[in-house]
N, C-alpha and C. Protein backbone atom coordinates (compact mmCIF):
# COMPACT_ATOMS: atom_id res chain seq x y z
N MET A 1 -28.70 16.45 -51.10
CA MET A 1 -28.35 17.28 -50.22
C MET A 1 -28.54 16.64 -48.95
N GLY A 2 -29.59 15.99 -48.64
CA GLY A 2 -30.00 15.40 -47.58
C GLY A 2 -29.05 14.32 -47.07
N GLU A 3 -28.35 13.29 -48.06
CA GLU A 3 -27.70 12.40 -47.82
C GLU A 3 -26.36 13.18 -47.50
N LYS A 4 -25.92 14.08 -48.05
CA LYS A 4 -24.61 14.74 -47.63
C LYS A 4 -24.68 15.50 -46.33
N ASN A 5 -26.06 16.06 -45.97
CA ASN A 5 -26.00 16.53 -44.63
C ASN A 5 -25.99 15.31 -43.48
N LEU A 6 -26.44 14.25 -43.70
CA LEU A 6 -26.52 12.92 -42.89
C LEU A 6 -25.14 12.80 -42.81
N SER A 7 -24.37 12.49 -43.83
CA SER A 7 -23.14 11.87 -44.05
C SER A 7 -21.86 13.09 -43.03
N ALA A 8 -22.42 14.03 -43.44
CA ALA A 8 -21.69 15.22 -42.53
C ALA A 8 -21.59 15.16 -41.01
N THR A 9 -23.14 14.89 -40.89
CA THR A 9 -23.36 14.83 -39.07
C THR A 9 -22.88 13.73 -38.71
N LEU A 10 -22.99 12.37 -39.24
CA LEU A 10 -22.36 11.23 -38.89
C LEU A 10 -20.93 11.29 -38.59
N ASN A 11 -20.27 12.08 -39.69
CA ASN A 11 -18.72 12.36 -39.56
C ASN A 11 -18.48 13.14 -38.36
N ARG A 12 -19.08 14.03 -38.06
CA ARG A 12 -18.99 14.95 -36.74
C ARG A 12 -19.04 14.14 -35.79
N HIS A 13 -20.18 13.50 -35.63
CA HIS A 13 -20.26 12.46 -34.31
C HIS A 13 -19.14 11.63 -34.21
N PHE A 14 -18.82 10.69 -35.19
CA PHE A 14 -17.76 9.98 -35.29
C PHE A 14 -16.37 10.62 -34.72
N ALA A 15 -16.06 11.75 -35.08
CA ALA A 15 -14.95 12.57 -35.01
C ALA A 15 -15.08 12.80 -33.46
N ALA A 16 -16.11 13.06 -32.84
CA ALA A 16 -16.30 13.52 -31.72
C ALA A 16 -16.30 12.40 -30.71
N LEU A 17 -16.65 11.12 -31.22
CA LEU A 17 -16.28 10.06 -30.14
C LEU A 17 -14.85 9.65 -30.48
N GLY A 18 -14.12 9.93 -31.63
CA GLY A 18 -12.87 9.49 -31.64
C GLY A 18 -11.89 10.15 -30.64
N ALA A 19 -12.45 11.74 -30.54
CA ALA A 19 -11.81 12.43 -29.65
C ALA A 19 -12.01 12.07 -28.15
N VAL A 20 -13.17 11.80 -28.03
CA VAL A 20 -13.39 11.33 -26.40
C VAL A 20 -12.44 10.20 -26.34
N GLY A 21 -12.43 9.25 -27.28
CA GLY A 21 -11.67 7.71 -26.95
C GLY A 21 -10.09 8.32 -26.64
N ALA A 22 -9.53 9.32 -27.53
CA ALA A 22 -8.19 9.31 -27.27
C ALA A 22 -8.16 10.16 -25.98
N ALA A 23 -9.12 11.18 -25.53
CA ALA A 23 -8.92 11.63 -24.06
C ALA A 23 -9.03 10.78 -23.17
N ILE A 24 -9.75 9.71 -23.26
CA ILE A 24 -9.80 8.58 -22.36
C ILE A 24 -8.46 8.04 -22.22
N ALA A 25 -7.94 7.62 -23.60
CA ALA A 25 -6.67 6.91 -23.42
C ALA A 25 -5.59 7.67 -22.76
N GLY A 26 -5.58 8.96 -23.00
CA GLY A 26 -4.79 9.59 -22.47
C GLY A 26 -4.97 10.05 -20.93
N ILE A 27 -6.09 9.80 -20.48
CA ILE A 27 -6.61 9.89 -19.05
C ILE A 27 -5.87 8.61 -18.43
N GLY A 28 -6.06 7.42 -19.11
CA GLY A 28 -5.71 6.17 -18.77
C GLY A 28 -4.27 6.03 -18.44
N MET A 29 -3.55 6.60 -19.61
CA MET A 29 -2.09 6.67 -19.58
C MET A 29 -1.58 7.72 -18.39
N LEU A 30 -2.12 8.59 -18.00
CA LEU A 30 -1.73 9.54 -17.04
C LEU A 30 -1.96 8.57 -15.30
N ASP A 31 -3.21 7.98 -15.53
CA ASP A 31 -3.68 7.35 -14.33
C ASP A 31 -2.66 5.98 -14.24
N GLN A 32 -2.34 5.58 -15.15
CA GLN A 32 -1.39 4.31 -15.11
C GLN A 32 -0.06 5.08 -14.75
N GLN A 33 0.33 6.04 -15.41
CA GLN A 33 1.62 6.66 -14.97
C GLN A 33 1.69 6.97 -13.33
N ALA A 34 0.56 7.63 -13.10
CA ALA A 34 0.67 7.81 -11.53
C ALA A 34 0.40 6.64 -10.32
N ASP A 35 -0.11 5.81 -10.85
CA ASP A 35 -0.27 4.47 -10.12
C ASP A 35 0.72 3.28 -10.12
N ALA A 36 1.62 3.50 -11.21
CA ALA A 36 2.47 2.58 -11.60
C ALA A 36 3.38 2.50 -10.59
N ALA A 37 3.79 3.41 -10.07
CA ALA A 37 4.67 3.27 -8.73
C ALA A 37 4.60 2.63 -7.36
N LEU A 38 3.34 2.41 -7.50
CA LEU A 38 2.72 1.95 -6.02
C LEU A 38 2.48 0.31 -6.47
N VAL A 39 3.10 -0.45 -5.36
CA VAL A 39 2.98 -1.94 -5.58
C VAL A 39 2.16 -2.10 -4.21
N TYR A 40 1.02 -2.87 -4.50
CA TYR A 40 0.04 -2.92 -3.66
C TYR A 40 -0.16 -4.62 -3.41
N SER A 41 -0.14 -5.10 -2.33
CA SER A 41 -0.16 -6.60 -2.26
C SER A 41 -1.78 -6.88 -1.98
N GLY A 42 -2.70 -6.13 -2.35
CA GLY A 42 -3.91 -6.67 -2.04
C GLY A 42 -4.49 -7.22 -0.56
N VAL A 43 -5.37 -7.69 -0.36
CA VAL A 43 -5.65 -8.13 0.95
C VAL A 43 -4.89 -9.46 1.11
N VAL A 44 -4.20 -9.70 2.07
CA VAL A 44 -3.41 -10.72 2.46
C VAL A 44 -3.65 -11.67 3.82
N ASN A 45 -4.11 -10.70 4.69
CA ASN A 45 -4.71 -11.48 5.88
C ASN A 45 -3.55 -12.30 6.51
N LEU A 46 -2.48 -12.08 6.67
CA LEU A 46 -1.55 -12.75 7.03
C LEU A 46 -1.25 -12.97 8.58
N ALA A 47 -1.57 -13.94 9.15
CA ALA A 47 -1.76 -14.39 10.56
C ALA A 47 -0.24 -13.66 11.24
N ILE A 48 -0.56 -12.85 12.68
CA ILE A 48 0.81 -12.61 13.10
C ILE A 48 0.91 -13.28 14.28
N PRO A 49 1.64 -14.44 14.24
CA PRO A 49 1.82 -15.42 15.53
C PRO A 49 2.25 -14.70 16.77
N SER A 50 1.66 -15.08 17.76
CA SER A 50 2.02 -14.66 19.34
C SER A 50 3.12 -15.58 19.62
N SER A 51 4.01 -14.82 19.17
CA SER A 51 5.41 -15.72 19.61
C SER A 51 6.53 -14.85 19.45
N THR A 52 7.71 -15.21 20.05
CA THR A 52 9.08 -14.56 19.67
C THR A 52 9.61 -14.47 18.63
N ASN A 53 8.92 -15.27 17.50
CA ASN A 53 9.14 -15.05 15.91
C ASN A 53 8.47 -14.21 15.35
N GLY A 54 6.98 -14.38 15.52
CA GLY A 54 6.22 -13.37 15.06
C GLY A 54 6.12 -13.60 13.53
N LEU A 55 5.86 -12.60 12.65
CA LEU A 55 5.65 -12.75 11.23
C LEU A 55 6.85 -12.19 10.58
N TYR A 56 7.72 -12.69 9.97
CA TYR A 56 8.73 -12.39 9.05
C TYR A 56 8.27 -12.00 7.75
N LEU A 57 8.45 -10.76 6.92
CA LEU A 57 7.72 -10.67 5.71
C LEU A 57 8.96 -9.73 4.90
N ASN A 58 9.00 -10.57 3.81
CA ASN A 58 9.72 -9.73 2.40
C ASN A 58 8.61 -9.18 1.62
N VAL A 59 8.53 -7.65 1.69
CA VAL A 59 7.64 -6.88 1.06
C VAL A 59 7.70 -7.20 -0.55
N VAL A 60 8.77 -7.29 -1.12
CA VAL A 60 9.14 -7.30 -2.42
C VAL A 60 8.71 -8.62 -3.07
N THR A 61 9.08 -9.93 -2.45
CA THR A 61 8.74 -10.88 -2.94
C THR A 61 7.50 -11.79 -2.37
N GLY A 62 7.10 -11.26 -1.23
CA GLY A 62 5.78 -11.69 -0.32
C GLY A 62 6.20 -12.89 0.42
N ALA A 63 7.51 -13.38 0.26
CA ALA A 63 8.07 -14.38 1.26
C ALA A 63 7.69 -14.22 2.63
N ASN A 64 7.36 -15.20 3.38
CA ASN A 64 7.15 -15.00 4.61
C ASN A 64 7.41 -16.38 5.55
N ASN A 65 7.14 -16.31 6.81
CA ASN A 65 7.51 -17.73 7.55
C ASN A 65 6.37 -18.54 8.06
N LEU A 66 5.51 -18.15 7.37
CA LEU A 66 4.02 -18.66 7.47
C LEU A 66 3.59 -20.02 6.36
N PRO A 67 3.38 -21.01 6.62
CA PRO A 67 3.47 -21.74 7.85
C PRO A 67 4.82 -22.38 7.86
N PRO A 68 5.46 -22.83 9.29
CA PRO A 68 5.00 -22.97 10.32
C PRO A 68 5.31 -21.53 11.09
N PRO A 69 4.56 -21.21 12.12
CA PRO A 69 5.10 -19.99 12.94
C PRO A 69 6.25 -19.97 13.71
N GLY A 70 6.64 -21.02 14.00
CA GLY A 70 7.96 -21.35 14.85
C GLY A 70 9.45 -20.79 14.02
N THR A 71 9.27 -20.96 12.69
CA THR A 71 10.57 -20.64 12.00
C THR A 71 10.69 -18.79 12.03
N GLY A 72 12.10 -18.73 12.14
CA GLY A 72 12.66 -17.42 12.39
C GLY A 72 12.91 -16.75 10.97
N GLY A 73 13.69 -15.54 10.97
CA GLY A 73 13.78 -14.56 9.89
C GLY A 73 14.98 -15.36 9.15
N SER A 74 15.64 -16.15 9.53
CA SER A 74 16.68 -16.81 8.84
C SER A 74 15.93 -17.60 7.44
N THR A 75 14.71 -17.86 7.48
CA THR A 75 13.99 -18.81 6.66
C THR A 75 13.28 -17.72 5.35
N VAL A 76 13.37 -16.61 5.62
CA VAL A 76 12.73 -15.60 4.81
C VAL A 76 14.00 -14.53 4.38
N PRO A 77 14.88 -15.00 3.39
CA PRO A 77 15.83 -14.24 2.94
C PRO A 77 15.27 -12.60 2.45
N GLY A 78 16.14 -11.73 2.91
CA GLY A 78 15.71 -10.37 2.55
C GLY A 78 14.56 -9.94 3.37
N TRP A 79 14.19 -10.47 4.45
CA TRP A 79 12.93 -10.02 5.00
C TRP A 79 13.02 -8.16 5.63
N ASP A 80 11.91 -7.72 5.63
CA ASP A 80 11.95 -6.04 5.83
C ASP A 80 11.09 -5.89 7.06
N ILE A 81 9.98 -6.56 7.28
CA ILE A 81 9.30 -6.29 8.60
C ILE A 81 9.33 -7.28 9.38
N ASN A 82 9.05 -7.18 10.63
CA ASN A 82 8.68 -8.32 11.59
C ASN A 82 7.75 -7.89 12.96
N PRO A 83 6.28 -7.66 12.56
CA PRO A 83 5.47 -7.73 13.80
C PRO A 83 5.58 -9.08 14.48
N TRP A 84 5.85 -8.82 15.96
CA TRP A 84 5.86 -10.20 16.81
C TRP A 84 5.44 -10.02 18.01
N SER A 85 5.56 -10.88 18.89
CA SER A 85 5.67 -10.68 20.49
C SER A 85 4.41 -11.73 21.13
N SER A 86 4.67 -12.51 22.07
CA SER A 86 3.84 -12.95 22.65
C SER A 86 2.77 -12.39 24.02
N THR A 87 3.58 -11.17 24.21
CA THR A 87 2.80 -10.51 25.47
C THR A 87 2.04 -9.37 24.91
N GLY A 88 2.54 -8.53 23.94
CA GLY A 88 1.84 -7.34 23.51
C GLY A 88 2.00 -7.04 21.94
N PHE A 89 2.51 -6.20 21.50
CA PHE A 89 2.51 -6.13 20.22
C PHE A 89 4.12 -5.34 19.68
N GLY A 90 4.92 -6.22 19.14
CA GLY A 90 6.26 -5.35 18.93
C GLY A 90 6.62 -5.13 17.34
N LEU A 91 7.64 -4.43 17.28
CA LEU A 91 8.03 -4.54 15.64
C LEU A 91 9.63 -4.73 15.79
N PHE A 92 10.35 -5.45 15.10
CA PHE A 92 11.59 -5.70 15.41
C PHE A 92 12.17 -5.37 13.76
N ASN A 93 13.47 -4.80 14.05
CA ASN A 93 14.12 -4.35 12.86
C ASN A 93 14.85 -5.26 12.26
N PRO A 94 15.17 -5.38 10.85
CA PRO A 94 16.42 -6.01 10.21
C PRO A 94 17.62 -5.15 10.39
N THR A 95 18.61 -5.67 10.03
CA THR A 95 19.76 -4.83 10.47
C THR A 95 20.08 -3.67 9.54
N ALA A 96 19.46 -3.60 8.44
CA ALA A 96 19.52 -2.57 7.50
C ALA A 96 18.18 -1.91 7.12
N PRO A 97 17.69 -0.76 6.86
CA PRO A 97 18.72 0.45 6.99
C PRO A 97 18.91 0.79 8.74
N SER A 98 20.04 1.29 9.01
CA SER A 98 20.40 1.30 10.24
C SER A 98 19.37 2.47 10.78
N GLY A 99 19.19 2.49 12.16
CA GLY A 99 18.63 3.51 12.94
C GLY A 99 17.01 3.04 12.96
N GLY A 100 16.56 1.96 12.33
CA GLY A 100 15.27 1.51 12.62
C GLY A 100 14.51 1.42 11.09
N VAL A 101 13.27 0.98 11.02
CA VAL A 101 12.38 1.02 9.93
C VAL A 101 11.14 1.35 9.99
N TYR A 102 10.54 1.52 11.26
CA TYR A 102 9.13 1.70 11.23
C TYR A 102 9.21 3.51 11.75
N VAL A 103 8.10 4.04 11.28
CA VAL A 103 7.62 5.64 11.20
C VAL A 103 7.64 5.80 12.99
N ASN A 104 8.52 6.51 13.50
CA ASN A 104 8.14 6.88 14.92
C ASN A 104 8.05 8.48 15.20
N ALA A 105 7.75 8.96 16.30
CA ALA A 105 7.75 10.29 16.68
C ALA A 105 9.19 11.00 16.64
N THR A 106 9.89 10.32 17.03
CA THR A 106 11.54 10.64 17.21
C THR A 106 12.17 9.75 16.45
N SER A 107 13.33 10.29 16.02
CA SER A 107 14.58 9.49 15.50
C SER A 107 15.18 8.18 16.53
N GLY A 108 15.19 7.01 16.04
CA GLY A 108 15.78 5.80 16.86
C GLY A 108 14.71 5.72 18.11
N GLY A 109 13.54 6.26 17.89
CA GLY A 109 12.49 5.75 18.84
C GLY A 109 11.82 4.58 19.29
N THR A 110 11.38 4.25 19.90
CA THR A 110 10.54 2.74 20.46
C THR A 110 9.30 2.84 20.47
N THR A 111 8.39 3.81 19.73
CA THR A 111 7.00 3.70 19.61
C THR A 111 6.56 3.98 18.05
N ALA A 112 6.26 3.00 17.44
CA ALA A 112 5.84 3.02 16.07
C ALA A 112 4.57 3.98 16.21
N LEU A 113 4.46 4.76 15.46
CA LEU A 113 3.10 5.42 15.28
C LEU A 113 1.85 4.77 14.65
N ASN A 114 0.93 5.10 14.72
CA ASN A 114 -0.36 4.56 14.23
C ASN A 114 -0.77 5.53 13.30
N LEU A 115 -0.52 5.83 11.97
CA LEU A 115 -0.71 6.84 11.23
C LEU A 115 -2.15 6.95 10.70
N ALA A 116 -2.30 8.52 10.93
CA ALA A 116 -3.65 8.83 9.86
C ALA A 116 -3.50 8.51 8.44
N PRO A 117 -4.65 8.04 7.96
CA PRO A 117 -4.67 7.60 6.37
C PRO A 117 -3.93 9.07 5.72
N LEU A 118 -3.06 8.90 4.63
CA LEU A 118 -2.75 10.02 3.78
C LEU A 118 -1.20 10.55 4.16
N THR A 119 -1.06 10.08 5.74
CA THR A 119 0.24 10.74 6.45
C THR A 119 1.32 10.34 5.43
N LEU A 120 2.40 11.30 5.03
CA LEU A 120 3.42 11.08 4.20
C LEU A 120 4.50 10.22 4.80
N ILE A 121 5.02 9.12 4.16
CA ILE A 121 6.13 8.61 4.64
C ILE A 121 7.05 8.76 3.78
N GLY A 122 8.38 9.21 4.10
CA GLY A 122 9.48 9.26 3.38
C GLY A 122 10.54 9.68 4.30
N PRO A 123 11.54 10.46 3.33
CA PRO A 123 13.17 10.61 3.90
C PRO A 123 12.95 11.69 5.08
N ALA A 124 11.96 12.30 5.02
CA ALA A 124 11.78 13.50 6.19
C ALA A 124 11.16 12.93 7.49
N SER A 125 10.59 11.63 7.48
CA SER A 125 10.10 10.85 8.45
C SER A 125 11.11 10.54 9.60
N PHE A 126 10.50 10.22 10.68
CA PHE A 126 11.53 9.66 11.83
C PHE A 126 11.51 8.13 11.90
N TYR A 127 12.36 7.43 12.17
CA TYR A 127 12.34 5.82 12.08
C TYR A 127 12.84 5.12 13.33
N GLY A 128 12.19 3.92 13.74
CA GLY A 128 12.95 3.57 15.03
C GLY A 128 12.23 2.13 15.13
N SER A 129 11.67 1.57 16.31
CA SER A 129 11.17 0.47 16.35
C SER A 129 9.87 0.37 17.11
N ASN A 130 9.30 -0.60 17.82
CA ASN A 130 8.38 -0.59 18.56
C ASN A 130 8.47 -1.71 19.87
N THR A 131 8.64 -1.55 20.91
CA THR A 131 8.75 -2.23 21.88
C THR A 131 7.31 -3.08 22.18
N THR A 132 7.27 -4.15 23.08
CA THR A 132 5.99 -4.79 23.23
C THR A 132 4.89 -4.13 24.26
N THR A 133 5.72 -2.95 24.82
CA THR A 133 4.78 -2.30 25.77
C THR A 133 4.01 -1.08 25.18
N ASN A 134 4.87 -0.77 24.10
CA ASN A 134 4.04 0.57 23.13
C ASN A 134 3.07 0.40 22.48
N THR A 135 1.56 -0.01 22.93
CA THR A 135 0.53 -0.52 22.18
C THR A 135 -0.55 0.50 22.24
N ALA A 136 -0.52 1.50 23.05
CA ALA A 136 -1.54 2.54 23.28
C ALA A 136 -2.27 3.16 22.14
N GLN A 137 -1.07 3.41 21.25
CA GLN A 137 -1.48 4.04 19.85
C GLN A 137 -2.43 3.24 19.08
N PHE A 138 -2.29 1.81 19.21
CA PHE A 138 -3.02 1.25 18.50
C PHE A 138 -4.78 0.80 18.66
N ASN A 139 -5.45 0.25 17.76
CA ASN A 139 -6.86 0.31 18.15
C ASN A 139 -7.17 -1.39 18.20
N LEU A 140 -7.93 -1.41 19.13
CA LEU A 140 -8.21 -3.06 19.29
C LEU A 140 -9.73 -3.18 18.55
N ASN A 141 -10.07 -4.35 18.39
CA ASN A 141 -11.48 -4.76 17.50
C ASN A 141 -11.34 -3.62 16.41
N SER A 142 -10.29 -3.52 15.54
CA SER A 142 -10.23 -2.85 14.36
C SER A 142 -8.91 -3.06 13.57
N ASP A 143 -9.09 -2.56 12.18
CA ASP A 143 -8.13 -2.72 11.50
C ASP A 143 -7.49 -1.18 10.91
N ASN A 144 -8.06 -0.24 11.84
CA ASN A 144 -7.48 0.91 11.90
C ASN A 144 -6.31 1.42 12.28
N ASN A 145 -5.12 0.53 11.76
CA ASN A 145 -3.95 0.66 12.53
C ASN A 145 -2.93 0.79 11.10
N LEU A 146 -2.38 1.79 10.97
CA LEU A 146 -1.39 1.97 9.59
C LEU A 146 -0.12 2.14 10.22
N VAL A 147 0.94 1.48 9.76
CA VAL A 147 2.19 1.44 10.16
C VAL A 147 3.15 1.91 8.89
N GLY A 148 3.95 3.08 9.14
CA GLY A 148 4.98 3.28 8.00
C GLY A 148 6.25 2.76 8.14
N PHE A 149 6.99 2.39 6.96
CA PHE A 149 8.18 1.66 7.17
C PHE A 149 9.10 2.07 5.93
N ARG A 150 10.25 1.82 5.90
CA ARG A 150 11.19 2.07 5.04
C ARG A 150 11.98 0.84 4.88
N PHE A 151 12.64 0.56 3.74
CA PHE A 151 13.32 -0.78 3.52
C PHE A 151 14.37 -0.76 2.48
N GLN A 152 15.24 -1.61 2.53
CA GLN A 152 16.19 -1.65 1.59
C GLN A 152 15.67 -2.56 0.42
N ASN A 153 15.59 -2.04 -0.77
CA ASN A 153 15.01 -3.14 -1.74
C ASN A 153 16.27 -4.02 -2.60
N GLU A 154 16.19 -5.07 -2.46
CA GLU A 154 17.23 -5.85 -2.77
C GLU A 154 17.16 -5.86 -4.04
N ALA A 155 15.85 -5.83 -4.63
CA ALA A 155 15.51 -5.94 -6.27
C ALA A 155 16.14 -4.44 -6.93
N ASN A 156 16.61 -3.49 -6.17
CA ASN A 156 16.68 -2.30 -6.78
C ASN A 156 18.02 -1.73 -6.00
N SER A 157 19.09 -2.58 -6.35
CA SER A 157 20.62 -2.27 -5.66
C SER A 157 20.24 -1.92 -4.13
N ASN A 158 19.60 -2.27 -3.49
CA ASN A 158 19.49 -2.25 -1.96
C ASN A 158 19.39 -0.58 -1.83
N GLN A 159 18.47 0.06 -2.63
CA GLN A 159 17.91 1.65 -2.47
C GLN A 159 16.97 1.63 -1.50
N ILE A 160 16.72 2.65 -0.88
CA ILE A 160 15.55 2.81 0.06
C ILE A 160 14.45 3.03 -0.54
N HIS A 161 13.28 2.37 -0.16
CA HIS A 161 12.02 2.68 -0.37
C HIS A 161 11.08 2.84 0.81
N TYR A 162 10.04 3.40 0.54
CA TYR A 162 8.71 3.58 1.77
C TYR A 162 7.63 2.72 1.39
N GLY A 163 7.17 2.56 2.54
CA GLY A 163 5.87 1.83 2.27
C GLY A 163 5.02 1.81 3.45
N TRP A 164 3.89 1.11 3.60
CA TRP A 164 3.07 1.38 4.91
C TRP A 164 2.23 -0.08 4.97
N PHE A 165 1.62 -0.82 6.33
CA PHE A 165 0.95 -2.05 6.51
C PHE A 165 -0.04 -1.68 7.45
N ARG A 166 -0.97 -2.50 7.17
CA ARG A 166 -2.17 -2.25 8.08
C ARG A 166 -2.32 -3.56 8.81
N VAL A 167 -2.57 -3.40 10.01
CA VAL A 167 -2.86 -4.62 11.03
C VAL A 167 -4.26 -4.28 11.73
N ARG A 168 -4.74 -5.52 11.91
CA ARG A 168 -6.16 -5.78 12.27
C ARG A 168 -6.04 -6.44 13.78
N PHE A 169 -6.27 -6.01 14.82
CA PHE A 169 -6.23 -6.49 16.12
C PHE A 169 -7.92 -7.04 16.50
N GLY A 170 -7.93 -8.01 17.19
CA GLY A 170 -8.80 -8.55 17.96
C GLY A 170 -9.38 -7.86 19.31
N ALA A 171 -9.62 -8.69 20.27
CA ALA A 171 -9.76 -8.28 21.88
C ALA A 171 -8.59 -7.83 22.42
N THR A 172 -7.46 -8.34 21.87
CA THR A 172 -5.85 -8.19 22.72
C THR A 172 -4.99 -7.84 21.55
N TYR A 173 -3.88 -7.38 21.92
CA TYR A 173 -2.93 -6.98 21.27
C TYR A 173 -1.96 -8.47 20.88
N ALA A 174 -2.05 -9.30 21.90
CA ALA A 174 -1.43 -10.89 21.63
C ALA A 174 -2.33 -11.84 21.74
N GLY A 175 -2.60 -12.37 22.95
CA GLY A 175 -3.50 -13.45 22.69
C GLY A 175 -3.19 -14.58 21.90
N THR A 176 -4.12 -15.05 21.10
CA THR A 176 -3.88 -16.22 20.07
C THR A 176 -3.62 -15.73 18.78
N ALA A 177 -2.79 -16.63 17.81
CA ALA A 177 -2.55 -16.01 16.49
C ALA A 177 -3.77 -15.29 15.67
N GLY A 178 -4.97 -15.97 16.05
CA GLY A 178 -6.26 -15.24 15.64
C GLY A 178 -6.42 -14.09 15.47
N ASP A 179 -5.91 -13.45 16.71
CA ASP A 179 -6.45 -12.09 17.10
C ASP A 179 -5.67 -11.01 16.21
N ARG A 180 -4.88 -11.02 15.45
CA ARG A 180 -4.36 -9.97 14.92
C ARG A 180 -3.63 -10.51 13.50
N PHE A 181 -3.88 -9.71 12.54
CA PHE A 181 -3.55 -10.32 11.13
C PHE A 181 -2.43 -8.93 10.56
N LEU A 182 -1.73 -9.18 9.80
CA LEU A 182 -1.26 -8.27 8.83
C LEU A 182 -2.26 -8.19 7.49
N VAL A 183 -3.17 -7.42 7.36
CA VAL A 183 -3.98 -6.78 6.40
C VAL A 183 -3.49 -7.16 5.05
N GLU A 184 -2.90 -5.98 4.89
CA GLU A 184 -2.53 -5.37 3.41
C GLU A 184 -1.21 -4.50 3.73
N TYR A 185 -0.46 -4.42 2.59
CA TYR A 185 0.65 -3.45 2.61
C TYR A 185 0.97 -3.04 1.11
N ALA A 186 1.76 -1.81 1.33
CA ALA A 186 1.98 -1.39 -0.23
C ALA A 186 3.41 -0.53 -0.09
N TYR A 187 4.07 -0.30 -1.01
CA TYR A 187 4.99 0.51 -1.18
C TYR A 187 5.39 0.93 -2.63
N ASP A 188 6.18 2.21 -2.89
CA ASP A 188 6.66 2.90 -3.81
C ASP A 188 7.64 2.13 -4.46
N ASP A 189 7.96 1.95 -5.82
CA ASP A 189 8.85 1.15 -6.26
C ASP A 189 9.76 2.22 -6.62
N VAL A 190 9.58 3.32 -6.71
CA VAL A 190 10.75 4.28 -6.95
C VAL A 190 11.26 4.67 -5.71
N ALA A 191 12.71 4.37 -5.90
CA ALA A 191 13.48 4.62 -4.59
C ALA A 191 13.47 6.10 -4.25
N GLY A 192 13.47 6.33 -2.83
CA GLY A 192 13.31 7.67 -2.21
C GLY A 192 12.13 8.43 -2.59
N ARG A 193 10.94 7.95 -3.10
CA ARG A 193 9.92 8.80 -3.25
C ARG A 193 8.86 8.57 -2.24
N PRO A 194 8.52 9.38 -1.62
CA PRO A 194 7.65 9.27 -0.37
C PRO A 194 6.42 8.47 -0.79
N ILE A 195 5.51 8.04 0.03
CA ILE A 195 4.20 7.39 -0.19
C ILE A 195 3.11 7.67 0.99
N GLU A 196 1.82 7.58 0.51
CA GLU A 196 0.92 8.31 1.71
C GLU A 196 0.44 6.89 2.24
N ALA A 197 0.23 6.98 3.73
CA ALA A 197 -0.25 5.87 4.56
C ALA A 197 -1.64 5.52 3.74
N GLY A 198 -1.88 4.31 3.59
CA GLY A 198 -2.87 3.63 2.94
C GLY A 198 -3.45 3.80 1.57
N ALA A 199 -2.42 4.53 0.84
CA ALA A 199 -2.56 4.71 -0.52
C ALA A 199 -2.28 3.46 -1.28
N ILE A 200 -3.52 3.15 -2.38
CA ILE A 200 -3.54 2.11 -3.24
C ILE A 200 -3.75 2.46 -4.64
N PRO A 201 -3.56 1.69 -5.56
CA PRO A 201 -3.87 2.17 -7.07
C PRO A 201 -5.20 2.44 -7.16
N GLU A 202 -5.82 3.29 -7.69
CA GLU A 202 -7.22 3.16 -8.07
C GLU A 202 -7.88 3.23 -9.29
N PRO A 203 -7.88 1.75 -9.85
CA PRO A 203 -8.21 1.58 -11.33
C PRO A 203 -9.84 2.11 -11.67
N ALA A 204 -10.57 1.89 -10.40
CA ALA A 204 -12.02 2.25 -10.61
C ALA A 204 -12.11 3.73 -10.80
N SER A 205 -11.10 4.61 -10.64
CA SER A 205 -11.39 6.09 -11.09
C SER A 205 -11.16 6.05 -12.47
N LEU A 206 -10.64 5.63 -13.46
CA LEU A 206 -10.40 5.39 -14.53
C LEU A 206 -11.86 5.08 -15.20
N GLY A 207 -12.44 3.94 -14.95
CA GLY A 207 -13.65 3.79 -15.15
C GLY A 207 -14.68 4.48 -15.14
N LEU A 208 -14.81 5.22 -14.00
CA LEU A 208 -16.05 6.44 -13.71
C LEU A 208 -15.44 7.88 -14.82
N LEU A 209 -14.22 7.87 -14.94
CA LEU A 209 -14.12 8.99 -15.93
C LEU A 209 -14.46 8.49 -17.05
N ALA A 210 -14.07 7.44 -17.60
CA ALA A 210 -14.63 6.92 -18.94
C ALA A 210 -16.11 6.81 -19.28
N ALA A 211 -16.95 6.38 -18.29
CA ALA A 211 -18.25 6.29 -18.36
C ALA A 211 -18.76 7.61 -18.35
N GLY A 212 -18.28 8.64 -17.62
CA GLY A 212 -18.79 9.88 -17.68
C GLY A 212 -18.40 10.60 -19.12
N ALA A 213 -17.37 10.26 -19.61
CA ALA A 213 -16.97 10.74 -21.03
C ALA A 213 -17.88 10.27 -22.11
N LEU A 214 -18.02 8.89 -21.96
CA LEU A 214 -18.98 8.13 -23.08
C LEU A 214 -20.28 8.77 -23.11
N GLY A 215 -20.86 9.06 -21.91
CA GLY A 215 -22.15 9.49 -21.74
C GLY A 215 -22.32 10.82 -22.28
N LEU A 216 -21.02 11.96 -21.90
CA LEU A 216 -21.43 13.23 -22.63
C LEU A 216 -21.42 13.02 -24.21
N ALA A 217 -20.77 11.86 -24.66
CA ALA A 217 -20.63 11.96 -25.90
C ALA A 217 -21.84 11.61 -26.50
N ALA A 218 -22.67 10.47 -25.98
CA ALA A 218 -23.81 10.11 -26.42
C ALA A 218 -24.91 11.24 -26.27
N ARG A 219 -24.76 11.73 -25.38
CA ARG A 219 -25.61 13.26 -25.09
C ARG A 219 -25.46 14.17 -26.33
N ARG A 220 -24.57 14.29 -26.67
CA ARG A 220 -23.99 15.20 -27.67
C ARG A 220 -24.36 14.68 -29.09
N GLY A 221 -24.40 12.94 -29.07
CA GLY A 221 -24.87 12.75 -30.27
C GLY A 221 -26.32 12.95 -30.64
N ARG A 222 -27.03 12.57 -29.33
CA ARG A 222 -28.59 12.71 -29.56
C ARG A 222 -28.86 14.02 -30.09
N LYS A 223 -28.00 15.34 -29.60
CA LYS A 223 -28.24 16.58 -29.67
C LYS A 223 -28.50 16.93 -31.39
């Protein structure tokens, strides 16, 4: 009887661990489904040259005009965003989509907003450009500068997608090329779906959930 009881106890424990494993796998699948749409560059720290060319970037392929900083947009097929200027900080629009690509306070505006984290960027947002004189909304000596944008995804039949990028400034908005960088960027790979400013995939969350679930299973096993 003792052996049977021990066997039954072990079977219950293994069954509990199996259920926990299945639950973790299910959580993982849900987490991957939630994050699969977010395409994140990682920290890239692309210098934004203080020039009339600035930085041309194709956010899908990662192609850009660095180095050298003297080349223009013609060297970056399908470029999506262009932070530039030798005197301040500007954002130049590609030809499409029409009406501008950077999130503004008004449709067709000329002051790109410095968005608060988790601000929704999508079809309901206003889009325009940013002239070199519109810099008051950005923070110097900081990377607390989030710009929302939209772009035509050439890899997805030129449908409109939404994204954000982060800029770090030094002591000035222009100055030398070392004073400002495009730190990171992300976009949603599902056309038309909004994205939150600063949002990135969070694989660490799954690890914490898994560790907690395994800890719970171990505690039940000791009981």
